[in-house]
Amino acid sequence: MSNTLAVNAQGVCKSYTPGVPVLQSFDFQLAPGEVHALIGSNGAGKSTFAKILTGLTPFNGGSIQLHDKLFAPRNKQEATTAGVVMVLQELNIIPTLSVAENLFLHQLPKKVGLLDKNALRLKAKEALARMGLEKLDPSLPGGMLGVGQQQLVEIATALAQESSVLILDEPTAALTSPEIDLLFERIRLLKQEGVAVIYISHRMDEIERIADAVTVMRDGERAGQHRIGEVTIPALIREMAGHEVKDSTDRRSLPESKEVTLSVSDLRREGVLRGISFEAHRGEILGLAGLIGAGRTETLRAIFGADRVDGGRVTTPKNPSGLPFSSPQSAVWAGLAFVPEDRKAEGLLLDRSVGSNTTLATLSQFAAAGLVQTKQEEDAAVRVCERLAVKCESLAQAVRNLSGGNQQKIIIGRWLLTECDIFLFDEPTRGIDVAAKDAVYDLLDELAAAGKTIVVVSSDLEELMRISHRIVVLSNGSVTGEFEPESWTSEAITAASFAGFGAEKEVAA
């Protein structure tokens, strides 16, 4: 293997606002055939550095060499041509284009000057097969894919390009264990081919599995650099936080109340939900487990009135009739709150300020004589941002310019200002660092202790087992298992996650 570094960054600086550095004198070295993890709290500068390497934003100072040559890409195309390819944390699938067109948008095969649809389909099927998506129709519009499938297609797009440096920004945030295993196998093959990989993740167990080295970032600087195996996870967490972080312990305390506050009965939607039924109690955190495509997100959206249903009942204290909600607005009036999985597309007004996004669901609370009382609204936003430790320059900063984790905190904080009794969380810790996850877990505990009912979808099974009082498993649009702490195991829950697909085959036979 060559001694030439794939990437050698020295003293890199970046500021979006004068006097407010995002990166300051940052050093980073990456060797060919190496998987180098880049970790740090939200806002530490990880994604900014990755965007610099891929030409999405310029840097203000320092130098970067790519294979011993000065490198300062002015746009994404220049970086791609040089062999630097990135899978962004925020999904960029174009919903109106087909999966195949999304895969090869910038290198569409042509014949006599026209799009060669047969060649495109063949290339797409090959690229999808490498990510275990053989059954996905390349002609399907990108907008019809779930978030997990979009993530896999984005990764397949990157792998289909010739690259010497591949940057993966939270690539497994929406994936479940089988998909993660497949991705890691692809990464190992890329290593053998000499491709250098920058792996940005908050999941410390993944870093131990796949990385060769790790660089810790804090406040835009390098707080540490280590070879995997020569540093412990607690030591990395201390470097990220800059102080001791309390140990993770089992936080579950069974709710005293047995009052059913959310009853979902025979919820159906053609081709998606096949008679979903479960109950959740006051003060309970109920986890929803399952594979991508199991119907977890679709169940929450159906409960919240965001998607139509063909039948079934959703009964709450403020909706005793059980008639499914016709809109999210009617669900909110009945005391429900929903934190969606895709924060960028469904949760935020990206060009609006931190303050206005935080108070979006409660503007009527600050209105008098038809006018919003700005001081009261600002005070409420400050309380929420301080409670969730949101990192931002000011309440006036556009949400678009926050890190993914801080964007997620804004959405969660928005609902804290309401008087909702039932909280639906879809992947609430996606893209959030270790310390921030701990704060979210504390928040869930606080809400449960206050008598709120919480339903949480998470692709991280260990997370569900840590925070839930019970776990309901969905598979292929059906409930295939229900577990309490005394009876659940990873193996049993995983088996239940596959059970619905086997049942479908038996019915078809």
Protein backbone atom coordinates (compact mmCIF):
# COMPACT_ATOMS: atom_id res chain seq x y z
CA MET A 1 0.00 0.00 0.00
CA SER A 2 1.26 3.47 -0.92
CA ASN A 3 2.53 5.76 1.83
CA THR A 4 0.76 8.68 0.11
CA LEU A 5 -2.14 9.97 2.16
CA ALA A 6 -5.54 10.01 0.50
CA VAL A 7 -6.44 13.17 2.44
CA ASN A 8 -4.11 15.44 4.39
CA ALA A 9 -5.83 18.47 5.93
CA GLN A 10 -3.73 21.00 7.83
CA GLY A 11 -5.10 23.93 9.84
CA VAL A 12 -8.44 24.05 8.03
CA CYS A 13 -10.70 26.94 9.10
CA LYS A 14 -14.30 27.73 8.25
CA SER A 15 -16.75 30.43 9.39
CA TYR A 16 -20.22 31.01 8.01
CA THR A 17 -20.55 34.15 10.13
CA PRO A 18 -17.57 36.46 10.80
CA GLY A 19 -16.15 35.81 14.24
CA VAL A 20 -18.10 32.56 14.71
CA PRO A 21 -15.76 29.72 13.61
CA VAL A 22 -17.20 26.32 12.74
CA LEU A 23 -13.75 24.84 12.09
CA GLN A 24 -10.55 26.26 13.55
CA SER A 25 -7.09 24.91 12.75
CA PHE A 26 -8.46 21.45 12.09
CA ASP A 27 -5.99 18.67 11.13
CA PHE A 28 -7.01 15.34 9.61
CA GLN A 29 -5.13 12.53 7.89
CA LEU A 30 -6.67 9.62 5.95
CA ALA A 31 -4.77 6.74 4.36
CA PRO A 32 -5.85 4.72 1.29
CA GLY A 33 -7.75 1.56 2.23
CA GLU A 34 -8.55 2.95 5.69
CA VAL A 35 -11.87 3.49 7.38
CA HIS A 36 -11.44 6.58 9.54
CA ALA A 37 -14.30 7.48 11.88
CA LEU A 38 -15.07 11.14 12.50
CA ILE A 39 -17.01 11.68 15.73
CA GLY A 40 -18.14 14.57 17.89
CA SER A 41 -21.19 16.22 19.37
CA ASN A 42 -23.73 17.90 17.09
CA GLY A 43 -22.26 21.15 15.84
CA ALA A 44 -18.66 19.99 16.34
CA GLY A 45 -17.89 20.53 12.64
CA LYS A 46 -17.97 17.00 11.23
CA SER A 47 -20.46 17.58 8.44
CA THR A 48 -18.91 20.97 7.62
CA PHE A 49 -15.51 19.36 7.04
CA ALA A 50 -17.13 16.68 4.88
CA LYS A 51 -18.91 19.35 2.82
CA ILE A 52 -15.61 21.15 2.29
CA LEU A 53 -14.06 17.95 0.90
CA THR A 54 -16.98 17.48 -1.47
CA GLY A 55 -17.08 21.07 -2.78
CA LEU A 56 -20.38 21.95 -1.12
CA THR A 57 -18.84 24.80 0.85
CA PRO A 58 -15.45 26.59 0.61
CA PHE A 59 -12.96 26.80 3.48
CA ASN A 60 -11.49 30.04 4.76
CA GLY A 61 -7.99 28.96 5.72
CA GLY A 62 -5.49 26.12 5.91
CA SER A 63 -4.70 23.58 3.20
CA ILE A 64 -5.98 20.24 1.96
CA GLN A 65 -4.08 17.73 -0.15
CA LEU A 66 -5.70 14.87 -2.05
CA HIS A 67 -3.14 12.18 -2.91
CA ASP A 68 -0.34 14.74 -2.41
CA LYS A 69 -1.95 17.37 -4.66
CA LEU A 70 -3.51 20.61 -3.40
CA PHE A 71 -7.26 20.22 -3.29
CA ALA A 72 -9.89 22.97 -3.03
CA PRO A 73 -12.99 21.89 -4.99
CA ARG A 74 -15.26 24.75 -6.02
CA ASN A 75 -18.32 22.54 -6.43
CA LYS A 76 -19.56 18.99 -6.07
CA GLN A 77 -18.73 18.08 -9.66
CA GLU A 78 -15.08 19.03 -9.21
CA ALA A 79 -14.85 16.88 -6.09
CA THR A 80 -16.57 13.94 -7.78
CA THR A 81 -14.27 14.19 -10.80
CA ALA A 82 -11.30 14.11 -8.39
CA GLY A 83 -12.71 10.94 -6.81
CA VAL A 84 -14.34 12.30 -3.63
CA VAL A 85 -17.93 11.10 -3.19
CA MET A 86 -20.25 11.63 -0.23
CA VAL A 87 -23.52 10.19 1.08
CA LEU A 88 -25.11 13.09 2.93
CA GLN A 89 -26.90 12.70 6.26
CA GLU A 90 -29.84 14.63 4.80
CA LEU A 91 -31.46 12.63 2.01
CA ASN A 92 -31.43 14.08 -1.49
CA ILE A 93 -33.59 11.69 -3.48
CA ILE A 94 -35.57 13.60 -6.14
CA PRO A 95 -39.14 12.37 -5.60
CA THR A 96 -40.36 12.87 -9.18
CA LEU A 97 -37.51 10.89 -10.78
CA SER A 98 -37.33 7.11 -10.85
CA VAL A 99 -34.96 5.14 -8.64
CA ALA A 100 -32.81 4.43 -11.71
CA GLU A 101 -32.67 8.10 -12.68
CA ASN A 102 -31.72 9.06 -9.13
CA LEU A 103 -28.94 6.47 -9.15
CA PHE A 104 -27.30 7.76 -12.35
CA LEU A 105 -28.59 11.33 -12.55
CA HIS A 106 -25.23 12.77 -13.64
CA GLN A 107 -24.19 9.88 -15.86
CA LEU A 108 -27.33 8.75 -17.66
CA PRO A 109 -26.52 6.25 -20.46
CA LYS A 110 -27.42 7.54 -23.91
CA LYS A 111 -27.88 6.05 -27.34
CA VAL A 112 -27.92 8.27 -30.43
CA GLY A 113 -28.23 11.26 -28.11
CA LEU A 114 -31.28 9.89 -26.30
CA LEU A 115 -31.67 8.21 -22.94
CA ASP A 116 -30.98 4.48 -23.23
CA LYS A 117 -33.70 3.18 -20.92
CA ASN A 118 -32.68 -0.47 -21.21
CA ALA A 119 -29.05 0.28 -20.35
CA LEU A 120 -30.18 2.50 -17.45
CA ARG A 121 -32.42 -0.22 -16.04
CA LEU A 122 -29.63 -2.82 -16.24
CA LYS A 123 -27.11 -0.50 -14.55
CA ALA A 124 -29.67 0.36 -11.88
CA LYS A 125 -30.51 -3.27 -11.11
CA GLU A 126 -26.79 -4.03 -10.76
CA ALA A 127 -26.23 -1.08 -8.43
CA LEU A 128 -29.29 -1.96 -6.33
CA ALA A 129 -28.23 -5.60 -6.06
CA ARG A 130 -24.97 -4.53 -4.46
CA MET A 131 -27.02 -3.03 -1.62
CA GLY A 132 -29.37 -6.00 -1.30
CA LEU A 133 -32.21 -4.22 -3.10
CA GLU A 134 -32.74 -6.78 -5.87
CA LYS A 135 -36.51 -6.65 -5.40
CA LEU A 136 -36.77 -2.85 -5.69
CA ASP A 137 -38.25 -1.75 -9.02
CA PRO A 138 -35.82 0.75 -10.65
CA SER A 139 -38.76 2.48 -12.37
CA LEU A 140 -40.44 3.32 -9.05
CA PRO A 141 -40.59 7.09 -8.32
CA GLY A 142 -38.12 8.12 -5.60
CA GLY A 143 -40.91 9.82 -3.67
CA MET A 144 -42.58 6.47 -3.03
CA LEU A 145 -39.61 5.12 -1.06
CA GLY A 146 -39.48 5.09 2.71
CA VAL A 147 -36.62 6.90 4.44
CA GLY A 148 -34.66 3.68 4.98
CA GLN A 149 -34.95 2.69 1.32
CA GLN A 150 -33.96 6.21 0.26
CA GLN A 151 -30.85 5.89 2.42
CA LEU A 152 -29.91 2.58 0.77
CA VAL A 153 -30.45 4.05 -2.69
CA GLU A 154 -28.24 7.04 -1.81
CA ILE A 155 -25.49 4.66 -0.70
CA ALA A 156 -25.93 2.60 -3.86
CA THR A 157 -25.57 5.83 -5.88
CA ALA A 158 -22.24 6.59 -4.20
CA LEU A 159 -20.94 3.05 -4.65
CA ALA A 160 -21.82 3.17 -8.35
CA GLN A 161 -19.35 6.04 -8.86
CA GLU A 162 -15.63 5.62 -9.25
CA SER A 163 -14.10 7.08 -6.10
CA SER A 164 -10.88 7.00 -4.12
CA VAL A 165 -12.41 8.74 -1.08
CA LEU A 166 -15.92 7.86 0.10
CA ILE A 167 -17.57 9.92 2.85
CA LEU A 168 -20.50 8.39 4.72
CA ASP A 169 -22.38 10.82 6.98
CA GLU A 170 -24.58 8.88 9.43
CA PRO A 171 -25.21 6.17 6.80
CA THR A 172 -27.01 3.77 9.15
CA ALA A 173 -29.32 6.25 10.88
CA ALA A 174 -32.40 4.83 9.14
CA LEU A 175 -31.15 1.25 8.67
CA THR A 176 -31.82 -1.91 10.64
CA SER A 177 -29.30 -4.63 11.51
CA PRO A 178 -29.46 -6.70 8.28
CA GLU A 179 -29.00 -3.59 6.12
CA ILE A 180 -26.12 -2.40 8.33
CA ASP A 181 -24.39 -5.78 7.99
CA LEU A 182 -24.71 -5.55 4.21
CA LEU A 183 -23.31 -2.02 4.17
CA PHE A 184 -20.34 -3.03 6.31
CA GLU A 185 -19.57 -5.91 3.96
CA ARG A 186 -19.50 -3.46 1.06
CA ILE A 187 -17.18 -1.16 3.03
CA ARG A 188 -14.77 -4.05 3.66
CA LEU A 189 -14.68 -4.78 -0.06
CA LEU A 190 -13.96 -1.12 -0.81
CA LYS A 191 -11.07 -1.20 1.68
CA GLN A 192 -9.56 -4.11 -0.22
CA GLU A 193 -9.78 -2.02 -3.40
CA GLY A 194 -7.83 0.78 -1.71
CA VAL A 195 -10.76 3.17 -1.27
CA ALA A 196 -10.39 5.47 1.75
CA VAL A 197 -13.57 5.90 3.81
CA ILE A 198 -14.51 8.71 6.19
CA TYR A 199 -17.22 7.32 8.45
CA ILE A 200 -19.22 9.93 10.37
CA SER A 201 -21.41 8.37 13.06
CA HIS A 202 -22.69 8.74 16.61
CA ARG A 203 -23.01 4.96 17.01
CA MET A 204 -19.97 3.91 18.97
CA ASP A 205 -20.58 0.17 18.53
CA GLU A 206 -20.44 0.63 14.74
CA ILE A 207 -17.19 2.55 14.98
CA GLU A 208 -15.63 -0.32 16.92
CA ARG A 209 -16.83 -2.77 14.26
CA ILE A 210 -15.84 -1.02 11.06
CA ALA A 211 -13.23 1.72 11.71
CA ASP A 212 -9.43 1.48 11.73
CA ALA A 213 -8.91 4.91 13.26
CA VAL A 214 -10.98 7.64 14.87
CA THR A 215 -10.68 11.42 15.09
CA VAL A 216 -12.65 13.23 17.78
CA MET A 217 -13.92 16.74 17.06
CA ARG A 218 -15.05 19.29 19.62
CA ASP A 219 -16.01 22.90 18.90
CA GLY A 220 -14.44 22.81 15.44
CA GLU A 221 -11.07 21.47 16.59
CA ARG A 222 -9.40 18.07 16.80
CA ALA A 223 -9.77 16.86 20.37
CA GLY A 224 -8.06 13.52 19.77
CA GLN A 225 -6.94 10.97 17.19
CA HIS A 226 -6.55 7.26 17.90
CA ARG A 227 -6.20 3.81 16.40
CA ILE A 228 -9.22 1.63 17.14
CA GLY A 229 -8.29 -0.87 19.85
CA GLU A 230 -6.00 1.62 21.56
CA VAL A 231 -8.79 3.74 23.07
CA THR A 232 -11.93 2.95 25.05
CA ILE A 233 -15.44 4.12 24.26
CA PRO A 234 -15.75 6.02 27.60
CA ALA A 235 -12.52 7.86 26.78
CA LEU A 236 -13.88 8.87 23.35
CA ILE A 237 -17.12 10.10 24.91
CA ARG A 238 -15.13 12.19 27.41
CA GLU A 239 -13.13 13.73 24.56
CA MET A 240 -16.31 14.54 22.65
CA ALA A 241 -18.05 16.13 25.61
CA GLY A 242 -15.01 17.73 27.19
CA HIS A 243 -16.13 16.37 30.54
CA GLU A 244 -17.38 13.19 32.19
CA VAL A 245 -20.67 11.83 30.83
CA LYS A 246 -22.78 9.78 33.19
CA ASP A 247 -22.89 6.08 32.59
CA SER A 248 -25.83 4.62 30.69
CA THR A 249 -28.05 2.60 32.94
CA ASP A 250 -31.41 0.91 32.65
CA ARG A 251 -33.83 3.80 33.11
CA ARG A 252 -37.09 1.85 32.93
CA SER A 253 -39.50 2.20 35.78
CA LEU A 254 -42.85 0.55 35.10
CA PRO A 255 -45.79 2.95 35.04
CA GLU A 256 -48.21 2.67 37.92
CA SER A 257 -51.27 3.50 35.83
CA LYS A 258 -52.97 0.80 33.77
CA GLU A 259 -55.25 3.33 32.07
CA VAL A 260 -55.33 2.82 28.30
CA THR A 261 -54.89 6.22 26.67
CA LEU A 262 -54.24 5.09 23.09
CA SER A 263 -56.06 2.15 21.55
CA VAL A 264 -55.33 1.26 17.93
CA SER A 265 -57.64 -1.39 16.54
CA ASP A 266 -57.55 -3.10 13.12
CA LEU A 267 -55.89 -0.13 11.42
CA ARG A 268 -55.78 -0.87 7.70
CA ARG A 269 -54.35 0.71 4.58
CA GLU A 270 -54.17 -1.27 1.36
CA GLY A 271 -50.74 -2.73 0.71
CA VAL A 272 -49.25 -1.09 3.83
CA LEU A 273 -51.14 -1.81 7.05
CA ARG A 274 -52.88 -5.15 7.50
CA GLY A 275 -54.93 -4.73 10.67
CA ILE A 276 -52.60 -3.10 13.21
CA SER A 277 -53.84 -3.37 16.80
CA PHE A 278 -52.16 -2.42 20.09
CA GLU A 279 -52.72 -0.41 23.26
CA ALA A 280 -50.57 2.10 25.14
CA HIS A 281 -51.05 3.22 28.74
CA ARG A 282 -50.70 6.45 30.65
CA GLY A 283 -47.07 6.94 31.69
CA GLU A 284 -45.84 4.22 29.33
CA ILE A 285 -43.09 4.27 26.72
CA LEU A 286 -44.16 1.76 24.07
CA GLY A 287 -41.53 0.79 21.50
CA LEU A 288 -42.37 -0.19 17.92
CA ALA A 289 -39.74 -2.49 16.41
CA GLY A 290 -39.43 -3.99 12.94
CA LEU A 291 -37.48 -3.98 9.70
CA ILE A 292 -37.52 -1.24 7.08
CA GLY A 293 -40.85 -1.54 5.28
CA ALA A 294 -42.56 -3.20 8.23
CA GLY A 295 -45.09 -0.37 8.53
CA ARG A 296 -43.78 1.39 11.64
CA THR A 297 -43.65 4.90 10.18
CA GLU A 298 -46.88 4.31 8.28
CA THR A 299 -48.58 3.31 11.53
CA LEU A 300 -47.59 6.53 13.29
CA ARG A 301 -48.60 8.63 10.29
CA ALA A 302 -51.97 6.87 10.13
CA ILE A 303 -52.59 7.41 13.86
CA PHE A 304 -51.73 11.10 13.48
CA GLY A 305 -54.01 11.59 10.49
CA ALA A 306 -51.14 12.33 8.12
CA ASP A 307 -52.10 9.39 5.85
CA ARG A 308 -55.56 8.12 4.98
CA VAL A 309 -56.66 4.69 6.21
CA ASP A 310 -59.15 2.21 4.79
CA GLY A 311 -60.49 1.18 8.18
CA GLY A 312 -59.84 0.70 11.88
CA ARG A 313 -60.12 2.78 15.04
CA VAL A 314 -57.86 5.17 16.97
CA THR A 315 -59.35 5.75 20.42
CA THR A 316 -58.04 8.31 22.92
CA PRO A 317 -59.59 10.11 25.91
CA LYS A 318 -60.33 13.11 23.66
CA ASN A 319 -61.43 10.94 20.74
CA PRO A 320 -63.75 8.38 22.39
CA SER A 321 -65.56 7.62 19.12
CA GLY A 322 -62.43 5.92 17.78
CA LEU A 323 -62.91 7.43 14.32
CA PRO A 324 -59.47 7.82 12.69
CA PHE A 325 -58.24 11.41 12.56
CA SER A 326 -58.91 13.09 9.23
CA SER A 327 -55.91 15.41 9.49
CA PRO A 328 -52.90 16.18 11.71
CA GLN A 329 -54.74 19.27 12.94
CA SER A 330 -57.58 17.16 14.33
CA ALA A 331 -55.02 14.87 15.98
CA VAL A 332 -53.32 17.85 17.67
CA TRP A 333 -56.69 19.10 18.91
CA ALA A 334 -57.16 15.66 20.46
CA GLY A 335 -53.85 15.93 22.32
CA LEU A 336 -51.43 14.11 19.99
CA ALA A 337 -47.91 15.21 19.01
CA PHE A 338 -45.76 13.73 16.23
CA VAL A 339 -42.01 13.96 15.65
CA PRO A 340 -41.51 12.68 12.06
CA GLU A 341 -38.63 10.59 10.78
CA ASP A 342 -37.74 12.93 7.91
CA ARG A 343 -37.17 16.21 9.72
CA LYS A 344 -36.07 18.13 6.63
CA ALA A 345 -39.10 17.32 4.47
CA GLU A 346 -41.81 17.00 7.12
CA GLY A 347 -40.74 18.66 10.34
CA LEU A 348 -39.12 22.02 9.67
CA LEU A 349 -39.44 25.28 7.77
CA LEU A 350 -35.77 25.28 6.83
CA ASP A 351 -35.48 28.92 5.85
CA ARG A 352 -37.31 30.18 8.93
CA SER A 353 -35.59 30.97 12.22
CA VAL A 354 -34.90 28.75 15.20
CA GLY A 355 -37.40 30.76 17.21
CA SER A 356 -40.28 30.55 14.75
CA ASN A 357 -39.75 26.82 14.20
CA THR A 358 -39.77 26.22 17.94
CA THR A 359 -43.10 27.99 18.52
CA LEU A 360 -44.73 26.88 15.26
CA ALA A 361 -47.32 24.62 16.93
CA THR A 362 -48.24 27.07 19.70
CA LEU A 363 -48.49 30.51 18.10
CA SER A 364 -52.03 30.96 19.39
CA GLN A 365 -50.66 30.89 22.97
CA PHE A 366 -48.73 34.10 22.29
CA ALA A 367 -51.44 35.97 20.40
CA ALA A 368 -53.38 38.94 21.72
CA ALA A 369 -55.83 41.00 19.64
CA GLY A 370 -54.71 39.08 16.57
CA LEU A 371 -51.01 39.91 17.05
CA VAL A 372 -48.20 37.67 18.25
CA GLN A 373 -46.56 38.88 21.47
CA THR A 374 -42.95 38.68 20.33
CA LYS A 375 -41.37 38.84 23.81
CA GLN A 376 -43.50 35.98 25.16
CA GLU A 377 -42.81 33.89 22.06
CA GLU A 378 -39.07 34.54 22.34
CA ASP A 379 -39.01 33.67 26.06
CA ALA A 380 -40.75 30.35 25.34
CA ALA A 381 -38.30 29.51 22.55
CA VAL A 382 -35.33 30.35 24.81
CA ARG A 383 -36.65 28.03 27.55
CA VAL A 384 -37.00 25.13 25.13
CA CYS A 385 -33.60 25.68 23.50
CA GLU A 386 -31.89 25.89 26.88
CA ARG A 387 -33.68 22.78 28.15
CA LEU A 388 -32.57 20.73 25.12
CA ALA A 389 -29.12 22.37 24.86
CA VAL A 390 -29.70 23.47 21.27
CA LYS A 391 -26.49 24.87 19.74
CA CYS A 392 -27.27 27.92 17.62
CA GLU A 393 -25.87 31.42 17.09
CA SER A 394 -29.20 33.01 18.05
CA LEU A 395 -32.94 32.45 17.81
CA ALA A 396 -32.80 34.37 14.52
CA GLN A 397 -30.50 31.82 12.84
CA ALA A 398 -32.10 29.85 9.99
CA VAL A 399 -32.81 26.26 10.99
CA ARG A 400 -31.25 25.15 7.69
CA ASN A 401 -27.81 26.08 9.07
CA LEU A 402 -28.08 23.96 12.23
CA SER A 403 -26.60 20.49 12.49
CA GLY A 404 -28.99 17.58 11.96
CA GLY A 405 -29.12 16.77 15.66
CA ASN A 406 -29.97 20.33 16.63
CA GLN A 407 -32.68 20.42 13.99
CA GLN A 408 -34.16 17.31 15.59
CA LYS A 409 -34.08 18.96 19.01
CA ILE A 410 -36.07 21.90 17.63
CA ILE A 411 -38.86 19.58 16.45
CA ILE A 412 -38.98 17.76 19.78
CA GLY A 413 -38.90 21.04 21.69
CA ARG A 414 -41.81 22.41 19.65
CA TRP A 415 -44.16 19.86 21.16
CA LEU A 416 -42.97 20.52 24.71
CA LEU A 417 -44.77 23.85 24.50
CA THR A 418 -48.10 22.14 23.79
CA GLU A 419 -50.43 20.42 26.21
CA CYS A 420 -50.34 17.14 24.31
CA ASP A 421 -50.86 13.91 26.23
CA ILE A 422 -49.78 11.39 23.56
CA PHE A 423 -46.38 11.68 21.87
CA LEU A 424 -45.50 9.77 18.69
CA PHE A 425 -41.72 9.71 18.09
CA ASP A 426 -40.36 8.33 14.80
CA GLU A 427 -36.60 7.75 15.15
CA PRO A 428 -36.19 10.54 17.76
CA THR A 429 -32.42 10.09 18.16
CA ARG A 430 -31.55 9.77 14.48
CA GLY A 431 -28.43 11.89 13.87
CA ILE A 432 -28.00 12.86 17.52
CA ASP A 433 -24.72 12.43 19.39
CA VAL A 434 -24.19 10.29 22.49
CA ALA A 435 -24.63 13.06 25.04
CA ALA A 436 -27.70 14.44 23.26
CA LYS A 437 -29.24 10.96 23.10
CA ASP A 438 -28.85 10.78 26.84
CA ALA A 439 -30.76 14.04 27.15
CA VAL A 440 -33.54 12.72 24.91
CA TYR A 441 -33.81 9.56 27.01
CA ASP A 442 -34.11 11.73 30.12
CA LEU A 443 -36.81 13.75 28.39
CA LEU A 444 -38.79 10.63 27.50
CA ASP A 445 -38.56 9.53 31.12
CA GLU A 446 -39.77 12.95 32.30
CA LEU A 447 -42.74 12.86 29.94
CA ALA A 448 -43.66 9.35 31.05
CA ALA A 449 -43.32 10.31 34.72
CA ALA A 450 -45.67 13.24 34.04
CA GLY A 451 -48.31 10.79 32.82
CA LYS A 452 -47.79 11.23 29.10
CA THR A 453 -48.19 8.30 26.71
CA ILE A 454 -45.25 7.78 24.37
CA VAL A 455 -44.92 5.58 21.29
CA VAL A 456 -41.39 5.36 19.88
CA VAL A 457 -40.23 3.91 16.58
CA SER A 458 -36.51 3.17 16.44
CA SER A 459 -34.31 1.08 14.15
CA ASP A 460 -31.87 0.71 17.05
CA LEU A 461 -33.09 -2.36 18.93
CA GLU A 462 -30.74 -1.78 21.85
CA GLU A 463 -32.21 1.70 22.20
CA LEU A 464 -35.77 0.35 22.26
CA MET A 465 -34.86 -2.25 24.87
CA ARG A 466 -33.29 0.46 26.98
CA ILE A 467 -36.13 3.00 26.95
CA SER A 468 -39.32 0.98 26.53
CA HIS A 469 -41.72 -0.53 29.04
CA ARG A 470 -43.06 -2.81 26.31
CA ILE A 471 -42.12 -3.50 22.69
CA VAL A 472 -44.59 -4.29 19.92
CA VAL A 473 -43.08 -5.78 16.75
CA LEU A 474 -44.40 -5.05 13.28
CA SER A 475 -43.62 -7.15 10.21
CA ASN A 476 -45.02 -6.65 6.72
CA GLY A 477 -47.79 -4.39 8.01
CA SER A 478 -48.92 -6.67 10.83
CA VAL A 479 -48.29 -7.03 14.56
CA THR A 480 -46.22 -10.18 15.01
CA GLY A 481 -45.11 -9.92 18.61
CA GLU A 482 -45.44 -8.13 21.93
CA PHE A 483 -42.73 -8.29 24.59
CA GLU A 484 -42.15 -7.10 28.13
CA PRO A 485 -38.67 -6.70 29.66
CA GLU A 486 -38.80 -10.10 31.35
CA SER A 487 -39.41 -11.91 28.06
CA TRP A 488 -37.68 -9.91 25.36
CA THR A 489 -34.37 -10.84 23.74
CA SER A 490 -32.73 -9.54 20.59
CA GLU A 491 -33.19 -12.94 18.98
CA ALA A 492 -36.91 -13.14 19.79
CA ILE A 493 -37.62 -9.62 18.56
CA THR A 494 -35.61 -10.17 15.36
CA ALA A 495 -37.48 -13.42 14.69
CA ALA A 496 -40.80 -11.60 15.11
CA SER A 497 -39.55 -8.88 12.73
CA PHE A 498 -39.29 -11.46 9.93
CA ALA A 499 -42.42 -13.43 10.86
CA GLY A 500 -44.89 -11.38 8.78
CA PHE A 501 -43.07 -12.02 5.54
CA GLY A 502 -43.14 -15.76 6.08
CA ALA A 503 -46.84 -15.60 6.89
CA GLU A 504 -47.51 -13.78 3.62
CA LYS A 505 -45.80 -16.53 1.66
CA GLU A 506 -47.86 -19.18 3.41
CA VAL A 507 -51.10 -17.34 2.59
CA ALA A 508 -50.01 -16.91 -1.04
CA ALA A 509 -49.22 -20.61 -1.29
